[in-house]
Amino acid sequence: MAEGVVNLTSGVWEKEVIQYKGVVLVDFWAPWCGPCRMIAPTIEELAAEYAGKAKIGKVNTDENSDIAGRFKIMSIPTILFFKDGVKVDQVVGAVPKPQLKSKIDALLA
């Protein structure tokens, strides 16, 4: 995991996402997924840019299928946005960085 990106697992999900007061972007991915690898550098850049303002994390769906199932993740990459522990938005697929930034900025506003 790159610096600033939180590795989200079943063991830390409640503390890092549900109980967190603020904005969390969660990237659901898997090592074998091409589009997931394409968007990974963007996720890392967002983690650096929003350090101290929003939490950026990744869930490996192969290792944490319970979380993926809970949020009905059908295809990856899927990016969920949480605010104060509540899922407020989602994006499916490798989308451009400005689209993700605008969603984060709107939640921080």
C-alpha atoms as a PDB file:
ATOM      1  CA  MET A   1       0.000   0.000   0.000  1.00  0.00           C
ATOM      2  CA  ALA A   2       1.277   3.429  -0.908  1.00  0.00           C
ATOM      3  CA  GLU A   3       1.914   6.055   1.730  1.00  0.00           C
ATOM      4  CA  GLY A   4      -1.318   7.648   2.896  1.00  0.00           C
ATOM      5  CA  VAL A   5      -3.530   4.849   1.555  1.00  0.00           C
ATOM      6  CA  VAL A   6      -5.180   2.840   4.339  1.00  0.00           C
ATOM      7  CA  ASN A   7      -5.362  -0.931   3.837  1.00  0.00           C
ATOM      8  CA  LEU A   8      -8.949  -1.645   4.848  1.00  0.00           C
ATOM      9  CA  THR A   9      -9.679  -5.157   6.086  1.00  0.00           C
ATOM     10  CA  SER A  10     -12.590  -6.771   7.906  1.00  0.00           C
ATOM     11  CA  GLY A  11     -10.671  -6.288  11.150  1.00  0.00           C
ATOM     12  CA  VAL A  12     -10.384  -2.492  10.876  1.00  0.00           C
ATOM     13  CA  TRP A  13     -13.446  -1.626   8.741  1.00  0.00           C
ATOM     14  CA  GLU A  14     -15.695  -0.439  11.609  1.00  0.00           C
ATOM     15  CA  LYS A  15     -12.995   1.739  13.193  1.00  0.00           C
ATOM     16  CA  GLU A  16     -11.501   3.165   9.984  1.00  0.00           C
ATOM     17  CA  VAL A  17     -14.719   3.754   7.997  1.00  0.00           C
ATOM     18  CA  ILE A  18     -17.979   3.406   9.946  1.00  0.00           C
ATOM     19  CA  GLN A  19     -16.828   5.173  13.134  1.00  0.00           C
ATOM     20  CA  TYR A  20     -14.694   7.752  11.290  1.00  0.00           C
ATOM     21  CA  LYS A  21     -15.951  11.341  11.463  1.00  0.00           C
ATOM     22  CA  GLY A  22     -15.275  12.821   8.044  1.00  0.00           C
ATOM     23  CA  VAL A  23     -14.930  11.804   4.413  1.00  0.00           C
ATOM     24  CA  VAL A  24     -13.599   8.388   3.375  1.00  0.00           C
ATOM     25  CA  LEU A  25     -12.993   7.200  -0.193  1.00  0.00           C
ATOM     26  CA  VAL A  26     -12.833   3.400  -0.439  1.00  0.00           C
ATOM     27  CA  ASP A  27     -11.425   1.700  -3.543  1.00  0.00           C
ATOM     28  CA  PHE A  28     -12.615  -1.914  -3.942  1.00  0.00           C
ATOM     29  CA  TRP A  29      -9.987  -3.734  -6.030  1.00  0.00           C
ATOM     30  CA  ALA A  30      -8.185  -7.025  -6.671  1.00  0.00           C
ATOM     31  CA  PRO A  31      -4.603  -7.749  -7.818  1.00  0.00           C
ATOM     32  CA  TRP A  32      -5.773  -9.496 -11.028  1.00  0.00           C
ATOM     33  CA  CYS A  33      -8.007  -6.594 -12.131  1.00  0.00           C
ATOM     34  CA  GLY A  34      -6.530  -4.528 -14.995  1.00  0.00           C
ATOM     35  CA  PRO A  35      -8.707  -1.409 -14.544  1.00  0.00           C
ATOM     36  CA  CYS A  36      -7.927  -1.552 -10.793  1.00  0.00           C
ATOM     37  CA  ARG A  37      -4.216  -1.358 -11.581  1.00  0.00           C
ATOM     38  CA  MET A  38      -4.914   1.532 -13.976  1.00  0.00           C
ATOM     39  CA  ILE A  39      -6.665   3.617 -11.310  1.00  0.00           C
ATOM     40  CA  ALA A  40      -4.221   2.749  -8.479  1.00  0.00           C
ATOM     41  CA  PRO A  41      -1.826   5.683  -9.165  1.00  0.00           C
ATOM     42  CA  THR A  42      -4.804   8.080  -9.089  1.00  0.00           C
ATOM     43  CA  ILE A  43      -5.904   6.699  -5.704  1.00  0.00           C
ATOM     44  CA  GLU A  44      -2.350   7.181  -4.395  1.00  0.00           C
ATOM     45  CA  GLU A  45      -2.240  10.782  -5.692  1.00  0.00           C
ATOM     46  CA  LEU A  46      -5.575  11.531  -4.005  1.00  0.00           C
ATOM     47  CA  ALA A  47      -4.252  10.116  -0.716  1.00  0.00           C
ATOM     48  CA  ALA A  48      -1.329  12.554  -0.878  1.00  0.00           C
ATOM     49  CA  GLU A  49      -3.447  15.531  -1.973  1.00  0.00           C
ATOM     50  CA  TYR A  50      -6.154  15.031   0.662  1.00  0.00           C
ATOM     51  CA  ALA A  51      -3.874  14.028   3.556  1.00  0.00           C
ATOM     52  CA  GLY A  52      -5.391  15.422   6.740  1.00  0.00           C
ATOM     53  CA  LYS A  53      -8.674  16.293   4.975  1.00  0.00           C
ATOM     54  CA  ALA A  54     -10.092  12.942   3.821  1.00  0.00           C
ATOM     55  CA  LYS A  55      -9.183   9.305   4.377  1.00  0.00           C
ATOM     56  CA  ILE A  56      -8.337   7.238   1.290  1.00  0.00           C
ATOM     57  CA  GLY A  57      -8.442   3.453   1.623  1.00  0.00           C
ATOM     58  CA  LYS A  58      -8.458   0.268  -0.403  1.00  0.00           C
ATOM     59  CA  VAL A  59     -10.263  -3.034   0.108  1.00  0.00           C
ATOM     60  CA  ASN A  60      -8.845  -6.144  -1.571  1.00  0.00           C
ATOM     61  CA  THR A  61     -12.091  -7.910  -2.532  1.00  0.00           C
ATOM     62  CA  ASP A  62     -10.371 -11.318  -2.740  1.00  0.00           C
ATOM     63  CA  GLU A  63      -9.245 -11.065   0.893  1.00  0.00           C
ATOM     64  CA  ASN A  64     -12.292  -9.200   2.264  1.00  0.00           C
ATOM     65  CA  SER A  65     -15.269 -10.622   0.383  1.00  0.00           C
ATOM     66  CA  ASP A  66     -17.497  -9.999   3.426  1.00  0.00           C
ATOM     67  CA  ILE A  67     -17.130  -6.219   3.038  1.00  0.00           C
ATOM     68  CA  ALA A  68     -17.630  -6.407  -0.737  1.00  0.00           C
ATOM     69  CA  GLY A  69     -20.762  -8.498  -0.177  1.00  0.00           C
ATOM     70  CA  ARG A  70     -22.111  -6.105   2.435  1.00  0.00           C
ATOM     71  CA  PHE A  71     -22.017  -3.250  -0.087  1.00  0.00           C
ATOM     72  CA  LYS A  72     -23.114  -5.408  -3.047  1.00  0.00           C
ATOM     73  CA  ILE A  73     -19.917  -4.788  -5.024  1.00  0.00           C
ATOM     74  CA  MET A  74     -20.581  -6.520  -8.364  1.00  0.00           C
ATOM     75  CA  SER A  75     -17.689  -5.200 -10.445  1.00  0.00           C
ATOM     76  CA  ILE A  76     -14.324  -3.670  -9.670  1.00  0.00           C
ATOM     77  CA  PRO A  77     -12.962  -1.149  -9.382  1.00  0.00           C
ATOM     78  CA  THR A  78     -15.873   0.302  -7.418  1.00  0.00           C
ATOM     79  CA  ILE A  79     -15.231   3.389  -5.333  1.00  0.00           C
ATOM     80  CA  LEU A  80     -17.518   4.173  -2.413  1.00  0.00           C
ATOM     81  CA  PHE A  81     -17.675   7.527  -0.649  1.00  0.00           C
ATOM     82  CA  PHE A  82     -18.557   7.703   3.045  1.00  0.00           C
ATOM     83  CA  LYS A  83     -19.274  10.722   5.205  1.00  0.00           C
ATOM     84  CA  ASP A  84     -19.402  10.245   8.968  1.00  0.00           C
ATOM     85  CA  GLY A  85     -19.746   6.485   8.512  1.00  0.00           C
ATOM     86  CA  VAL A  86     -22.601   6.602   5.996  1.00  0.00           C
ATOM     87  CA  LYS A  87     -22.238   5.605   2.340  1.00  0.00           C
ATOM     88  CA  VAL A  88     -23.225   8.670   0.331  1.00  0.00           C
ATOM     89  CA  ASP A  89     -21.992   7.992  -3.216  1.00  0.00           C
ATOM     90  CA  GLN A  90     -20.304   5.482  -5.480  1.00  0.00           C
ATOM     91  CA  VAL A  91     -18.515   5.226  -8.816  1.00  0.00           C
ATOM     92  CA  VAL A  92     -17.976   2.043 -10.814  1.00  0.00           C
ATOM     93  CA  GLY A  93     -15.001   1.659 -13.153  1.00  0.00           C
ATOM     94  CA  ALA A  94     -11.695   3.409 -13.706  1.00  0.00           C
ATOM     95  CA  VAL A  95     -12.870   7.010 -13.848  1.00  0.00           C
ATOM     96  CA  PRO A  96     -10.781  10.159 -14.416  1.00  0.00           C
ATOM     97  CA  LYS A  97      -9.157  11.814 -11.403  1.00  0.00           C
ATOM     98  CA  PRO A  98     -11.143  15.095 -11.761  1.00  0.00           C
ATOM     99  CA  GLN A  99     -14.392  13.138 -11.315  1.00  0.00           C
ATOM    100  CA  LEU A 100     -13.158  11.667  -8.014  1.00  0.00           C
ATOM    101  CA  LYS A 101     -11.774  15.023  -6.846  1.00  0.00           C
ATOM    102  CA  SER A 102     -15.095  16.778  -7.481  1.00  0.00           C
ATOM    103  CA  LYS A 103     -16.957  14.183  -5.393  1.00  0.00           C
ATOM    104  CA  ILE A 104     -14.464  14.493  -2.515  1.00  0.00           C
ATOM    105  CA  ASP A 105     -14.533  18.300  -2.702  1.00  0.00           C
ATOM    106  CA  ALA A 106     -18.352  18.335  -2.620  1.00  0.00           C
ATOM    107  CA  LEU A 107     -18.364  16.109   0.495  1.00  0.00           C
ATOM    108  CA  LEU A 108     -15.749  18.273   2.217  1.00  0.00           C
ATOM    109  CA  ALA A 109     -17.644  21.499   1.441  1.00  0.00           C
END
